[in-house]
Amino acid sequence: MAKDIATLAALVGLLGPDAVMTVASFELAGDGRVARIWVVRSPGKLRPWLRDG
């Protein structure tokens, strides 16, 4: 299922100031519980998260 996760709450896992290891986004249900979790660990997909892109 494709989803635009730009508006979801996210957690960014850093290895250092310029090393993003993981980005996890959370979709919340109407009652506030986590309904879905999306996790990205692919270096190519995480490149935009770096300061210098």
C-alpha atoms as a PDB file:
ATOM      1  CA  MET A   1       0.000   0.000   0.000  1.00  0.00           C
ATOM      2  CA  ALA A   2       1.472   3.372  -1.010  1.00  0.00           C
ATOM      3  CA  LYS A   3       1.062   6.174   1.506  1.00  0.00           C
ATOM      4  CA  ASP A   4       2.346   9.732   1.751  1.00  0.00           C
ATOM      5  CA  ILE A   5       3.987   9.640   5.171  1.00  0.00           C
ATOM      6  CA  ALA A   6       5.013  13.314   5.174  1.00  0.00           C
ATOM      7  CA  THR A   7       2.143  14.245   7.517  1.00  0.00           C
ATOM      8  CA  LEU A   8       2.645  11.398  10.009  1.00  0.00           C
ATOM      9  CA  ALA A   9       4.514  11.453  13.301  1.00  0.00           C
ATOM     10  CA  ALA A  10       8.064  10.214  12.782  1.00  0.00           C
ATOM     11  CA  LEU A  11      11.070   8.987  14.710  1.00  0.00           C
ATOM     12  CA  VAL A  12      14.528   9.466  13.195  1.00  0.00           C
ATOM     13  CA  GLY A  13      17.296   7.112  14.301  1.00  0.00           C
ATOM     14  CA  LEU A  14      20.745   8.698  14.069  1.00  0.00           C
ATOM     15  CA  LEU A  15      24.146   7.042  14.246  1.00  0.00           C
ATOM     16  CA  GLY A  16      25.849  10.441  14.403  1.00  0.00           C
ATOM     17  CA  PRO A  17      25.142  14.060  13.438  1.00  0.00           C
ATOM     18  CA  ASP A  18      25.241  13.229   9.716  1.00  0.00           C
ATOM     19  CA  ALA A  19      24.295   9.547   9.689  1.00  0.00           C
ATOM     20  CA  VAL A  20      20.578   8.740   9.506  1.00  0.00           C
ATOM     21  CA  MET A  21      20.068   4.997  10.064  1.00  0.00           C
ATOM     22  CA  THR A  22      16.276   4.652  10.254  1.00  0.00           C
ATOM     23  CA  VAL A  23      13.126   6.708   9.812  1.00  0.00           C
ATOM     24  CA  ALA A  24       9.931   5.282  11.322  1.00  0.00           C
ATOM     25  CA  SER A  25       6.523   6.881  10.744  1.00  0.00           C
ATOM     26  CA  PHE A  26       3.398   6.131  12.732  1.00  0.00           C
ATOM     27  CA  GLU A  27      -0.243   6.278  11.630  1.00  0.00           C
ATOM     28  CA  LEU A  28      -2.555   6.784  14.577  1.00  0.00           C
ATOM     29  CA  ALA A  29      -6.086   5.402  14.863  1.00  0.00           C
ATOM     30  CA  GLY A  30      -8.946   7.653  15.918  1.00  0.00           C
ATOM     31  CA  ASP A  31      -8.512   6.615  19.555  1.00  0.00           C
ATOM     32  CA  GLY A  32      -4.808   7.563  19.549  1.00  0.00           C
ATOM     33  CA  ARG A  33      -3.398   4.030  19.297  1.00  0.00           C
ATOM     34  CA  VAL A  34      -0.773   3.209  16.687  1.00  0.00           C
ATOM     35  CA  ALA A  35      -2.541   1.650  13.694  1.00  0.00           C
ATOM     36  CA  ARG A  36       0.444   1.237  11.317  1.00  0.00           C
ATOM     37  CA  ILE A  37       4.203   1.661  11.422  1.00  0.00           C
ATOM     38  CA  TRP A  38       6.340   2.335   8.351  1.00  0.00           C
ATOM     39  CA  VAL A  39      10.110   1.921   8.678  1.00  0.00           C
ATOM     40  CA  VAL A  40      12.714   2.958   6.096  1.00  0.00           C
ATOM     41  CA  ARG A  41      16.301   1.723   6.350  1.00  0.00           C
ATOM     42  CA  SER A  42      17.358   1.867   2.694  1.00  0.00           C
ATOM     43  CA  PRO A  43      20.381   4.199   2.370  1.00  0.00           C
ATOM     44  CA  GLY A  44      19.153   5.502  -1.002  1.00  0.00           C
ATOM     45  CA  LYS A  45      15.753   6.436   0.414  1.00  0.00           C
ATOM     46  CA  LEU A  46      17.300   8.038   3.513  1.00  0.00           C
ATOM     47  CA  ARG A  47      19.670  10.277   1.544  1.00  0.00           C
ATOM     48  CA  PRO A  48      17.174  13.209   1.496  1.00  0.00           C
ATOM     49  CA  TRP A  49      17.247  13.205   5.315  1.00  0.00           C
ATOM     50  CA  LEU A  50      20.934  14.148   5.349  1.00  0.00           C
ATOM     51  CA  ARG A  51      21.784  17.824   5.807  1.00  0.00           C
ATOM     52  CA  ASP A  52      23.618  18.060   2.492  1.00  0.00           C
ATOM     53  CA  GLY A  53      21.246  15.616   0.704  1.00  0.00           C
END
